[in-house]
Amino acid sequence: MTVERYLRLIAGFFVMLSVALGYWVNPAWFLFTAFVGVNLFQSAFTNWCPMMTFLRKAGVGTSPKLS
């Protein structure tokens, strides 16, 4: 898998986890949902996300350029 696919997978997991925790544990977990959303929003403009840095350091490759 590529960095982009892992990023979508991890972001989706974090959103679903924080929604579940916000519903069943404590509503303050919804702030984490907002944090993930803000990071996704800013990464659309800057093409940088902290998780992308971690994934690249872990050796996950980027998608090949299409000709």
N, C-alpha and C. Protein backbone atom coordinates (compact mmCIF):
# COMPACT_ATOMS: atom_id res chain seq x y z
N MET A 1 0.84 -1.19 0.00
CA MET A 1 0.00 0.00 0.00
C MET A 1 0.89 1.25 0.00
N THR A 2 0.31 2.34 -0.41
CA THR A 2 1.03 3.61 -0.51
C THR A 2 0.74 4.48 0.72
N VAL A 3 1.51 5.54 0.86
CA VAL A 3 1.31 6.49 1.96
C VAL A 3 -0.11 7.03 1.94
N GLU A 4 -0.59 7.38 0.76
CA GLU A 4 -1.92 7.97 0.64
C GLU A 4 -3.02 7.00 1.11
N ARG A 5 -2.87 5.73 0.75
CA ARG A 5 -3.88 4.75 1.15
C ARG A 5 -3.82 4.48 2.66
N TYR A 6 -2.59 4.38 3.21
CA TYR A 6 -2.45 4.20 4.64
C TYR A 6 -3.03 5.40 5.39
N LEU A 7 -2.79 6.59 4.86
CA LEU A 7 -3.30 7.80 5.51
C LEU A 7 -4.82 7.77 5.58
N ARG A 8 -5.48 7.41 4.50
CA ARG A 8 -6.94 7.30 4.50
C ARG A 8 -7.42 6.24 5.48
N LEU A 9 -6.72 5.11 5.50
CA LEU A 9 -7.09 4.01 6.40
C LEU A 9 -6.97 4.44 7.86
N ILE A 10 -5.86 5.06 8.22
CA ILE A 10 -5.63 5.48 9.60
C ILE A 10 -6.58 6.59 10.00
N ALA A 11 -6.79 7.57 9.12
CA ALA A 11 -7.72 8.66 9.43
C ALA A 11 -9.14 8.13 9.63
N GLY A 12 -9.57 7.23 8.77
CA GLY A 12 -10.90 6.64 8.93
C GLY A 12 -11.02 5.87 10.22
N PHE A 13 -9.99 5.11 10.57
CA PHE A 13 -10.00 4.37 11.83
C PHE A 13 -10.08 5.31 13.02
N PHE A 14 -9.26 6.38 13.01
CA PHE A 14 -9.28 7.33 14.13
C PHE A 14 -10.63 8.02 14.26
N VAL A 15 -11.24 8.37 13.13
CA VAL A 15 -12.56 9.01 13.18
C VAL A 15 -13.59 8.06 13.77
N MET A 16 -13.63 6.83 13.29
CA MET A 16 -14.61 5.86 13.80
C MET A 16 -14.37 5.54 15.28
N LEU A 17 -13.10 5.40 15.67
CA LEU A 17 -12.78 5.13 17.07
C LEU A 17 -13.19 6.29 17.97
N SER A 18 -12.87 7.51 17.55
CA SER A 18 -13.19 8.66 18.40
C SER A 18 -14.70 8.92 18.47
N VAL A 19 -15.43 8.62 17.40
CA VAL A 19 -16.89 8.75 17.46
C VAL A 19 -17.46 7.73 18.44
N ALA A 20 -16.96 6.50 18.38
CA ALA A 20 -17.43 5.47 19.31
C ALA A 20 -17.09 5.84 20.75
N LEU A 21 -15.87 6.31 20.98
CA LEU A 21 -15.49 6.71 22.33
C LEU A 21 -16.29 7.92 22.80
N GLY A 22 -16.56 8.84 21.90
CA GLY A 22 -17.37 10.00 22.26
C GLY A 22 -18.80 9.63 22.61
N TYR A 23 -19.31 8.63 21.96
CA TYR A 23 -20.70 8.19 22.21
C TYR A 23 -20.80 7.37 23.49
N TRP A 24 -19.87 6.40 23.66
CA TRP A 24 -20.00 5.47 24.78
C TRP A 24 -19.17 5.81 26.01
N VAL A 25 -18.12 6.63 25.88
CA VAL A 25 -17.24 6.89 27.02
C VAL A 25 -17.39 8.31 27.53
N ASN A 26 -17.04 9.28 26.68
CA ASN A 26 -17.07 10.67 27.11
C ASN A 26 -17.15 11.55 25.87
N PRO A 27 -18.08 12.52 25.85
CA PRO A 27 -18.22 13.39 24.67
C PRO A 27 -16.97 14.20 24.34
N ALA A 28 -16.04 14.33 25.24
CA ALA A 28 -14.80 15.07 24.96
C ALA A 28 -13.99 14.40 23.85
N TRP A 29 -14.22 13.11 23.59
CA TRP A 29 -13.53 12.42 22.51
C TRP A 29 -13.89 12.98 21.14
N PHE A 30 -15.00 13.68 21.04
CA PHE A 30 -15.36 14.29 19.75
C PHE A 30 -14.36 15.38 19.35
N LEU A 31 -13.62 15.91 20.31
CA LEU A 31 -12.57 16.87 19.99
C LEU A 31 -11.47 16.20 19.17
N PHE A 32 -11.20 14.94 19.45
CA PHE A 32 -10.21 14.21 18.65
C PHE A 32 -10.71 14.02 17.22
N THR A 33 -12.01 13.77 17.07
CA THR A 33 -12.60 13.68 15.73
C THR A 33 -12.38 14.99 14.97
N ALA A 34 -12.61 16.10 15.65
CA ALA A 34 -12.39 17.41 15.03
C ALA A 34 -10.92 17.62 14.68
N PHE A 35 -10.02 17.17 15.53
CA PHE A 35 -8.58 17.29 15.28
C PHE A 35 -8.19 16.53 14.00
N VAL A 36 -8.70 15.32 13.85
CA VAL A 36 -8.40 14.54 12.64
C VAL A 36 -8.96 15.26 11.41
N GLY A 37 -10.17 15.78 11.52
CA GLY A 37 -10.78 16.50 10.40
C GLY A 37 -10.00 17.74 10.01
N VAL A 38 -9.54 18.50 10.99
CA VAL A 38 -8.75 19.70 10.70
C VAL A 38 -7.43 19.32 10.02
N ASN A 39 -6.80 18.25 10.48
CA ASN A 39 -5.56 17.80 9.85
C ASN A 39 -5.79 17.38 8.41
N LEU A 40 -6.88 16.68 8.14
CA LEU A 40 -7.19 16.28 6.77
C LEU A 40 -7.46 17.51 5.90
N PHE A 41 -8.17 18.48 6.46
CA PHE A 41 -8.49 19.70 5.74
C PHE A 41 -7.22 20.47 5.36
N GLN A 42 -6.33 20.67 6.33
CA GLN A 42 -5.12 21.43 6.03
C GLN A 42 -4.20 20.65 5.10
N SER A 43 -4.21 19.31 5.18
CA SER A 43 -3.34 18.54 4.29
C SER A 43 -3.80 18.62 2.84
N ALA A 44 -5.06 18.92 2.62
CA ALA A 44 -5.54 19.08 1.25
C ALA A 44 -4.90 20.31 0.59
N PHE A 45 -4.57 21.31 1.39
CA PHE A 45 -3.98 22.54 0.85
C PHE A 45 -2.45 22.51 0.87
N THR A 46 -1.88 21.85 1.87
CA THR A 46 -0.42 21.88 2.02
C THR A 46 0.27 20.62 1.53
N ASN A 47 -0.50 19.56 1.29
CA ASN A 47 0.03 18.25 0.90
C ASN A 47 1.00 17.72 1.94
N TRP A 48 0.79 18.07 3.20
CA TRP A 48 1.61 17.58 4.30
C TRP A 48 0.70 17.24 5.48
N CYS A 49 0.96 16.12 6.10
CA CYS A 49 0.22 15.69 7.27
C CYS A 49 1.24 15.00 8.19
N PRO A 50 1.15 15.20 9.50
CA PRO A 50 2.11 14.55 10.39
C PRO A 50 2.17 13.03 10.21
N MET A 51 1.04 12.41 9.97
CA MET A 51 1.03 10.96 9.80
C MET A 51 1.80 10.54 8.55
N MET A 52 1.79 11.37 7.51
CA MET A 52 2.56 11.06 6.31
C MET A 52 4.05 11.01 6.62
N THR A 53 4.51 11.89 7.48
CA THR A 53 5.92 11.89 7.89
C THR A 53 6.27 10.59 8.59
N PHE A 54 5.40 10.15 9.52
CA PHE A 54 5.64 8.89 10.24
C PHE A 54 5.64 7.70 9.28
N LEU A 55 4.71 7.69 8.35
CA LEU A 55 4.63 6.58 7.42
C LEU A 55 5.85 6.51 6.51
N ARG A 56 6.32 7.65 6.05
CA ARG A 56 7.50 7.66 5.18
C ARG A 56 8.74 7.20 5.94
N LYS A 57 8.85 7.62 7.22
CA LYS A 57 9.98 7.17 8.04
C LYS A 57 9.90 5.67 8.31
N ALA A 58 8.67 5.12 8.28
CA ALA A 58 8.49 3.68 8.48
C ALA A 58 8.77 2.90 7.21
N GLY A 59 9.04 3.61 6.11
CA GLY A 59 9.41 2.94 4.87
C GLY A 59 8.27 2.69 3.90
N VAL A 60 7.14 3.30 4.14
CA VAL A 60 6.00 3.14 3.21
C VAL A 60 6.26 4.01 2.00
N GLY A 61 6.11 3.45 0.81
CA GLY A 61 6.40 4.17 -0.43
C GLY A 61 5.23 5.03 -0.88
N THR A 62 5.52 5.96 -1.76
CA THR A 62 4.49 6.81 -2.35
C THR A 62 3.97 6.14 -3.61
N SER A 63 2.88 6.66 -4.14
CA SER A 63 2.30 6.08 -5.34
C SER A 63 3.17 6.43 -6.54
N PRO A 64 3.27 5.52 -7.48
CA PRO A 64 4.08 5.81 -8.69
C PRO A 64 3.38 6.87 -9.54
N LYS A 65 4.18 7.66 -10.23
CA LYS A 65 3.63 8.68 -11.13
C LYS A 65 3.06 8.01 -12.36
N LEU A 66 1.87 8.45 -12.74
CA LEU A 66 1.24 7.90 -13.94
C LEU A 66 1.66 8.73 -15.15
N SER A 67 2.00 8.09 -16.22
CA SER A 67 2.45 8.80 -17.44
C SER A 67 1.30 9.11 -18.32
